Amino acid sequence: MNADLDYDPTTDSLYIKLCAGESVDNRIVSDDVVIDLGADGEPVGYDIQHASSHADAIAEALGYLRRCHVA
């Protein structure tokens, strides 16, 4: 699966959709980062506000995506 990326440069908002499925819950990491969770409790997406200042959250999302494909 390829991640879907939706970036809005006017608000510096980035959504990374990691896998198919709906979000049923979320985990608030910070004021700017929310991880959407699927029914199995695994991340399905990352919602990152002020994305240009959150390279760590972007790297985490991409790392999760990579681990999913290697497994």
C-alpha atoms as a PDB file:
ATOM      1  CA  MET A   1       0.000   0.000   0.000  1.00  0.00           C
ATOM      2  CA  ASN A   2       1.132   3.489  -0.751  1.00  0.00           C
ATOM      3  CA  ALA A   3       0.405   6.157   1.800  1.00  0.00           C
ATOM      4  CA  ASP A   4      -1.944   8.926   0.772  1.00  0.00           C
ATOM      5  CA  LEU A   5      -0.607  12.358   1.621  1.00  0.00           C
ATOM      6  CA  ASP A   6      -2.771  15.453   1.802  1.00  0.00           C
ATOM      7  CA  TYR A   7      -0.868  18.676   2.400  1.00  0.00           C
ATOM      8  CA  ASP A   8      -2.392  22.152   2.606  1.00  0.00           C
ATOM      9  CA  PRO A   9       0.365  24.764   2.298  1.00  0.00           C
ATOM     10  CA  THR A  10      -1.914  27.612   3.374  1.00  0.00           C
ATOM     11  CA  THR A  11      -2.326  26.062   6.827  1.00  0.00           C
ATOM     12  CA  ASP A  12       0.844  23.893   6.835  1.00  0.00           C
ATOM     13  CA  SER A  13      -1.383  20.884   7.600  1.00  0.00           C
ATOM     14  CA  LEU A  14      -0.448  17.344   6.593  1.00  0.00           C
ATOM     15  CA  TYR A  15      -2.545  14.185   6.768  1.00  0.00           C
ATOM     16  CA  ILE A  16      -0.792  10.875   6.144  1.00  0.00           C
ATOM     17  CA  LYS A  17      -3.230   8.022   5.524  1.00  0.00           C
ATOM     18  CA  LEU A  18      -1.303   4.855   6.364  1.00  0.00           C
ATOM     19  CA  CYS A  19      -3.784   2.143   5.467  1.00  0.00           C
ATOM     20  CA  ALA A  20      -7.343   1.459   4.430  1.00  0.00           C
ATOM     21  CA  GLY A  21      -9.981   1.569   7.111  1.00  0.00           C
ATOM     22  CA  GLU A  22     -11.801   4.100   9.181  1.00  0.00           C
ATOM     23  CA  SER A  23     -10.569   5.855  12.255  1.00  0.00           C
ATOM     24  CA  VAL A  24     -12.554   4.785  15.310  1.00  0.00           C
ATOM     25  CA  ASP A  25     -10.420   6.512  17.916  1.00  0.00           C
ATOM     26  CA  ASN A  26      -7.376   8.731  18.163  1.00  0.00           C
ATOM     27  CA  ARG A  27      -4.353   9.421  20.302  1.00  0.00           C
ATOM     28  CA  ILE A  28      -3.433  13.043  20.883  1.00  0.00           C
ATOM     29  CA  VAL A  29       0.346  13.267  20.865  1.00  0.00           C
ATOM     30  CA  SER A  30       0.543  17.057  21.131  1.00  0.00           C
ATOM     31  CA  ASP A  31      -1.456  20.152  20.259  1.00  0.00           C
ATOM     32  CA  ASP A  32      -0.323  19.673  16.660  1.00  0.00           C
ATOM     33  CA  VAL A  33      -0.192  15.882  16.217  1.00  0.00           C
ATOM     34  CA  VAL A  34      -3.077  13.404  16.379  1.00  0.00           C
ATOM     35  CA  ILE A  35      -2.783   9.739  15.444  1.00  0.00           C
ATOM     36  CA  ASP A  36      -5.985   8.195  14.101  1.00  0.00           C
ATOM     37  CA  LEU A  37      -6.498   4.587  15.210  1.00  0.00           C
ATOM     38  CA  GLY A  38      -8.405   1.808  13.486  1.00  0.00           C
ATOM     39  CA  ALA A  39     -10.683  -0.784  15.084  1.00  0.00           C
ATOM     40  CA  ASP A  40      -7.641  -2.958  15.838  1.00  0.00           C
ATOM     41  CA  GLY A  41      -5.943  -0.101  17.713  1.00  0.00           C
ATOM     42  CA  GLU A  42      -3.258   0.319  15.061  1.00  0.00           C
ATOM     43  CA  PRO A  43      -2.566   3.701  13.438  1.00  0.00           C
ATOM     44  CA  VAL A  44      -4.472   4.414  10.223  1.00  0.00           C
ATOM     45  CA  GLY A  45      -3.358   8.018   9.835  1.00  0.00           C
ATOM     46  CA  TYR A  46      -1.441  10.971  11.215  1.00  0.00           C
ATOM     47  CA  ASP A  47      -2.943  14.466  11.316  1.00  0.00           C
ATOM     48  CA  ILE A  48      -0.097  16.963  11.672  1.00  0.00           C
ATOM     49  CA  GLN A  49      -0.687  20.697  12.052  1.00  0.00           C
ATOM     50  CA  HIS A  50       2.270  23.055  11.482  1.00  0.00           C
ATOM     51  CA  ALA A  51       3.830  20.094   9.676  1.00  0.00           C
ATOM     52  CA  SER A  52       6.991  21.902   8.634  1.00  0.00           C
ATOM     53  CA  SER A  53       8.021  22.044  12.292  1.00  0.00           C
ATOM     54  CA  HIS A  54       7.212  18.376  13.067  1.00  0.00           C
ATOM     55  CA  ALA A  55       9.718  16.329  11.091  1.00  0.00           C
ATOM     56  CA  ASP A  56       9.803  13.856  13.991  1.00  0.00           C
ATOM     57  CA  ALA A  57       6.088  13.021  13.636  1.00  0.00           C
ATOM     58  CA  ILE A  58       6.413  12.694   9.870  1.00  0.00           C
ATOM     59  CA  ALA A  59       9.389  10.357  10.295  1.00  0.00           C
ATOM     60  CA  GLU A  60       7.438   8.288  12.833  1.00  0.00           C
ATOM     61  CA  ALA A  61       4.502   7.906  10.433  1.00  0.00           C
ATOM     62  CA  LEU A  62       6.777   6.896   7.570  1.00  0.00           C
ATOM     63  CA  GLY A  63       8.628   4.457   9.835  1.00  0.00           C
ATOM     64  CA  TYR A  64       5.340   2.838  10.806  1.00  0.00           C
ATOM     65  CA  LEU A  65       4.391   2.572   7.151  1.00  0.00           C
ATOM     66  CA  ARG A  66       7.738   0.953   6.326  1.00  0.00           C
ATOM     67  CA  ARG A  67       7.436  -1.591   9.175  1.00  0.00           C
ATOM     68  CA  CYS A  68       3.996  -2.578   7.948  1.00  0.00           C
ATOM     69  CA  HIS A  69       5.344  -3.359   4.467  1.00  0.00           C
ATOM     70  CA  VAL A  70       8.385  -5.283   5.694  1.00  0.00           C
ATOM     71  CA  ALA A  71       6.340  -7.527   8.005  1.00  0.00           C
END
